[in-house]
Protein backbone atom coordinates (compact mmCIF):
# COMPACT_ATOMS: atom_id res chain seq x y z
CA PRO A 1 -160.84 -62.96 -96.12
CA ARG A 2 -161.80 -60.83 -92.79
CA SER A 3 -164.62 -60.26 -94.52
CA GLU A 4 -165.63 -63.82 -94.19
CA TRP A 5 -164.61 -63.92 -90.39
CA ASP A 6 -167.98 -63.01 -88.95
CA ALA A 7 -169.90 -66.20 -90.95
CA ARG A 8 -167.95 -68.29 -90.27
CA PHE A 9 -167.30 -67.80 -86.27
CA GLU A 10 -170.70 -67.87 -86.13
CA GLU A 11 -171.29 -70.80 -88.33
CA GLN A 12 -168.95 -72.71 -85.53
CA GLU A 13 -171.52 -71.38 -83.03
CA ALA A 14 -174.22 -72.82 -84.25
CA LEU A 15 -173.37 -75.98 -85.45
CA GLN A 16 -170.85 -76.49 -81.80
CA SER A 17 -168.38 -77.03 -83.98
CA SER A 18 -165.04 -75.25 -83.38
CA LEU A 19 -162.42 -77.15 -81.10
CA GLU A 20 -163.52 -75.29 -78.03
CA HIS A 21 -166.77 -77.39 -78.46
CA VAL A 22 -164.92 -80.29 -79.30
CA ARG A 23 -163.27 -79.97 -76.71
CA MET A 24 -165.95 -79.69 -73.95
CA ARG A 25 -167.68 -83.41 -75.26
CA GLY A 26 -164.13 -85.25 -76.44
CA ASN A 27 -163.15 -87.14 -73.12
CA TYR A 28 -166.19 -89.18 -73.82
CA GLY A 29 -169.05 -87.10 -73.66
CA LYS A 30 -166.97 -84.72 -71.40
CA MET A 31 -164.61 -82.24 -71.51
CA ILE A 32 -161.25 -82.84 -72.20
CA PRO A 33 -158.65 -81.58 -69.06
CA SER A 34 -156.04 -79.40 -69.22
CA LEU A 35 -152.39 -80.29 -69.63
CA ASP A 36 -150.38 -79.78 -66.34
CA GLN A 37 -146.75 -78.46 -66.88
CA ASN A 38 -146.38 -78.39 -63.00
CA GLY A 39 -144.23 -75.39 -62.96
CA GLN A 40 -141.28 -76.50 -65.15
CA GLY A 41 -140.19 -74.77 -68.60
CA PHE A 42 -141.70 -77.07 -70.92
CA CYS A 43 -144.62 -75.35 -71.89
CA TRP A 44 -143.40 -75.35 -75.67
CA ASN A 45 -144.14 -79.40 -75.41
CA TYR A 46 -146.98 -78.67 -73.79
CA SER A 47 -148.65 -77.14 -76.29
CA VAL A 48 -147.72 -79.23 -79.16
CA THR A 49 -149.11 -82.18 -77.00
CA GLY A 50 -152.25 -80.24 -76.55
CA ALA A 51 -152.85 -79.85 -80.31
CA VAL A 52 -152.25 -83.61 -80.67
CA THR A 53 -155.14 -84.40 -78.14
CA MET A 54 -157.24 -81.95 -80.17
CA LEU A 55 -156.55 -83.89 -83.05
CA ARG A 56 -157.80 -86.95 -82.13
CA ALA A 57 -160.57 -85.37 -80.46
CA LEU A 58 -161.26 -83.97 -83.75
CA ALA A 59 -161.43 -87.27 -85.16
CA ASN A 60 -163.51 -89.59 -82.69
CA LEU A 61 -160.69 -91.09 -81.45
CA PRO A 62 -160.85 -92.26 -77.99
CA TYR A 63 -159.75 -89.45 -75.30
CA VAL A 64 -155.92 -90.36 -74.16
CA ARG A 65 -154.29 -88.34 -71.61
CA LEU A 66 -150.60 -88.19 -73.61
CA SER A 67 -147.57 -86.65 -71.67
CA GLY A 68 -146.06 -83.19 -71.73
CA HIS A 69 -142.99 -84.32 -70.39
CA ALA A 70 -141.30 -87.10 -72.65
CA ASN A 71 -141.22 -84.88 -75.65
CA ALA A 72 -139.61 -82.58 -73.86
CA CYS A 73 -137.50 -84.59 -71.92
CA LEU A 74 -136.09 -86.64 -74.89
CA ILE A 75 -135.38 -83.33 -76.76
CA LYS A 76 -133.63 -81.41 -74.13
CA ASP A 77 -131.84 -84.89 -72.93
CA PHE A 78 -133.57 -84.62 -69.50
CA ARG A 79 -133.04 -81.02 -68.50
CA ASP A 80 -135.47 -78.52 -67.49
CA GLU A 81 -135.09 -75.94 -70.50
CA GLY A 82 -137.28 -73.75 -72.84
CA GLY A 83 -137.73 -73.94 -76.64
CA TRP A 84 -140.22 -73.42 -79.29
CA GLY A 85 -143.39 -74.98 -80.18
CA ALA A 86 -141.97 -75.66 -84.12
CA LEU A 87 -139.07 -77.90 -81.92
CA ALA A 88 -141.60 -80.00 -80.30
CA ALA A 89 -144.24 -79.77 -83.46
CA ASP A 90 -140.89 -81.20 -85.48
CA PHE A 91 -139.87 -83.71 -83.05
CA VAL A 92 -143.80 -85.28 -82.56
CA MET A 93 -144.00 -85.73 -86.54
CA LYS A 94 -140.89 -88.79 -86.79
CA ASN A 95 -141.62 -89.67 -82.73
CA GLY A 96 -145.99 -89.00 -82.01
CA CYS A 97 -146.07 -88.25 -78.33
CA PRO A 98 -146.92 -91.07 -75.87
CA SER A 99 -149.03 -91.80 -73.19
CA THR A 100 -148.96 -91.02 -69.32
CA LYS A 101 -149.29 -95.03 -69.49
CA VAL A 102 -146.22 -95.39 -70.27
CA TRP A 103 -144.21 -92.33 -69.48
CA ILE A 104 -145.40 -91.29 -65.56
CA GLU A 105 -147.35 -88.11 -65.98
CA LYS A 106 -144.33 -85.21 -64.94
CA SER A 107 -141.70 -87.30 -64.39
CA MET A 108 -138.19 -86.57 -65.89
CA SER A 109 -137.32 -90.50 -65.20
CA ARG A 110 -134.65 -91.51 -67.46
CA SER A 111 -136.61 -94.94 -66.57
CA ASN A 112 -139.54 -93.92 -69.35
CA ASN A 113 -137.46 -93.95 -72.17
CA THR A 114 -138.35 -97.66 -73.15
CA PRO A 115 -139.11 -99.74 -76.30
CA GLU A 116 -143.12 -99.65 -75.25
CA MET A 117 -142.90 -95.82 -74.94
CA ARG A 118 -141.24 -95.34 -78.10
CA ALA A 119 -144.09 -97.61 -79.58
CA ASN A 120 -146.26 -96.21 -77.73
CA ALA A 121 -145.61 -93.00 -78.77
CA LEU A 122 -145.67 -94.05 -82.22
CA GLU A 123 -150.29 -94.60 -82.17
CA HIS A 124 -149.92 -90.24 -81.51
CA LEU A 125 -148.41 -89.62 -84.87
CA VAL A 126 -149.47 -86.22 -86.32
CA THR A 127 -148.40 -87.03 -90.21
CA GLU A 128 -148.80 -82.95 -91.57
CA ASP A 129 -148.08 -79.90 -90.44
CA TRP A 130 -148.60 -76.20 -91.60
CA SER A 131 -145.57 -74.12 -91.14
CA ASP A 132 -142.69 -72.38 -92.61
CA GLN A 133 -140.06 -75.05 -93.36
CA ASN A 134 -137.28 -72.03 -94.93
CA VAL A 135 -136.49 -71.13 -91.65
CA ALA A 136 -135.10 -72.64 -87.86
CA PRO A 137 -137.99 -73.64 -85.22
CA TYR A 138 -137.43 -70.46 -83.77
CA ASP A 139 -138.69 -68.00 -86.72
CA ARG A 140 -141.72 -69.97 -87.38
CA SER A 141 -144.37 -67.43 -88.15
CA LEU A 142 -148.07 -67.03 -89.21
CA THR A 143 -149.79 -64.04 -90.48
CA GLU A 144 -153.35 -63.56 -88.44
CA GLU A 145 -155.10 -64.43 -91.46
CA GLN A 146 -153.02 -67.45 -91.57
CA ARG A 147 -153.65 -68.48 -88.35
CA ALA A 148 -157.78 -67.66 -88.48
CA THR A 149 -158.08 -69.72 -91.46
CA LEU A 150 -156.32 -72.32 -89.52
CA LEU A 151 -158.31 -72.36 -87.03
CA PHE A 152 -161.36 -71.48 -88.94
CA ASN A 153 -160.95 -75.05 -90.06
CA ASN A 154 -160.27 -76.82 -86.59
CA ILE A 155 -156.90 -77.01 -87.13
CA PRO A 156 -155.19 -76.23 -83.81
CA LEU A 157 -152.44 -73.89 -83.74
CA ILE A 158 -149.20 -73.74 -81.31
CA GLY A 159 -148.51 -69.81 -80.50
CA ASP A 160 -145.56 -68.63 -78.80
CA TYR A 161 -145.63 -65.42 -76.96
CA ASN A 162 -142.42 -63.16 -76.22
CA TRP A 163 -144.38 -60.91 -73.60
CA TRP A 164 -145.04 -64.07 -72.10
CA GLY A 165 -142.62 -65.79 -71.99
CA HIS A 166 -144.89 -69.06 -72.52
CA SER A 167 -146.19 -71.02 -75.46
CA ILE A 168 -149.98 -72.31 -75.50
CA MET A 169 -152.25 -74.06 -77.89
CA GLU A 170 -155.15 -71.76 -79.80
CA LEU A 171 -158.40 -73.43 -80.05
CA ARG A 172 -160.33 -70.75 -82.41
CA TRP A 173 -160.20 -67.75 -83.83
CA TYR A 174 -162.75 -65.63 -81.40
CA ARG A 175 -165.21 -62.88 -81.63
CA ILE A 176 -164.30 -60.77 -78.96
CA GLU A 177 -166.87 -58.23 -80.47
CA ARG A 178 -167.61 -56.90 -83.29
CA GLY A 179 -164.13 -56.00 -85.29
CA SER A 180 -162.32 -57.14 -82.18
CA TRP A 181 -160.90 -60.54 -82.80
CA GLY A 182 -157.94 -63.03 -81.12
CA PRO A 183 -157.33 -66.52 -79.93
CA LYS A 184 -158.96 -68.70 -77.40
CA ILE A 185 -156.27 -70.83 -75.84
CA LEU A 186 -155.90 -73.42 -73.65
CA ASN A 187 -153.11 -73.15 -71.08
CA SER A 188 -150.74 -75.69 -69.70
CA TRP A 189 -151.72 -74.92 -66.23
CA THR A 190 -154.44 -77.36 -64.98
CA ASP A 191 -158.65 -76.31 -65.23
CA GLY A 192 -157.74 -74.31 -62.38
CA TRP A 193 -156.70 -71.35 -64.43
CA GLU A 194 -158.81 -68.81 -65.90
CA ASP A 195 -161.91 -70.51 -67.57
CA ASN A 196 -161.51 -73.67 -67.72
CA GLY A 197 -157.75 -73.56 -68.43
CA MET A 198 -159.54 -71.80 -71.13
CA SER A 199 -158.60 -67.73 -71.98
CA THR A 200 -158.70 -65.04 -74.53
CA LEU A 201 -156.15 -62.81 -76.20
CA ARG A 202 -156.91 -59.84 -77.24
CA GLY A 203 -154.97 -56.83 -78.74
CA SER A 204 -151.14 -56.29 -78.97
CA LYS A 205 -151.13 -59.32 -76.35
CA ALA A 206 -152.42 -61.44 -78.89
CA GLN A 207 -150.17 -61.35 -81.90
CA SER A 208 -147.66 -64.54 -81.28
CA ASP A 209 -144.16 -64.11 -82.18
CA GLY A 210 -144.12 -68.20 -83.07
CA ALA A 211 -146.60 -70.31 -84.78
CA VAL A 212 -147.22 -73.26 -86.62
CA ALA A 213 -150.31 -75.78 -86.94
């Protein structure tokens, strides 16, 4: 309930326990770097890849640079096409996500699709999600209260935004000021974007059109 939001936020601040805080120390005590989609239309898979990375950090697993291009190439048959976060989320739950050691970063080469790559991907497998399974991937969404609940429980969100034509990972439900809230996001446009790749969406721009966790 909204009546708990302030207390939940203040607890995360006091304990330094939100996914934003986890990100800042999840790379062997240093910040986990942002991903870089390199100007291609694979944001919908990069948001999911970032979420897998954050789940590993939350579980105190070693930082591994995961490939944001890999699953997008496999889903779209190596075509540079847009998509929805739920589409990539469904795929990663069955196939995992390979590291950049076995799928060269930002590469669209079919030569990356090897038995070694597929075995490596299964080492980074997500087995649970939170989404509306009664609708197609492009129609899955969550209410603001659901999104806040998930992020206060450190479950990373994938948010699709029609106004932006973009999909991003949501790190935490952030108090901008008293009574004003929005998702703090981690983008896939390198650490040079905004604040080390992070920003907070507010107002109408904070309302996602698609969301899964």
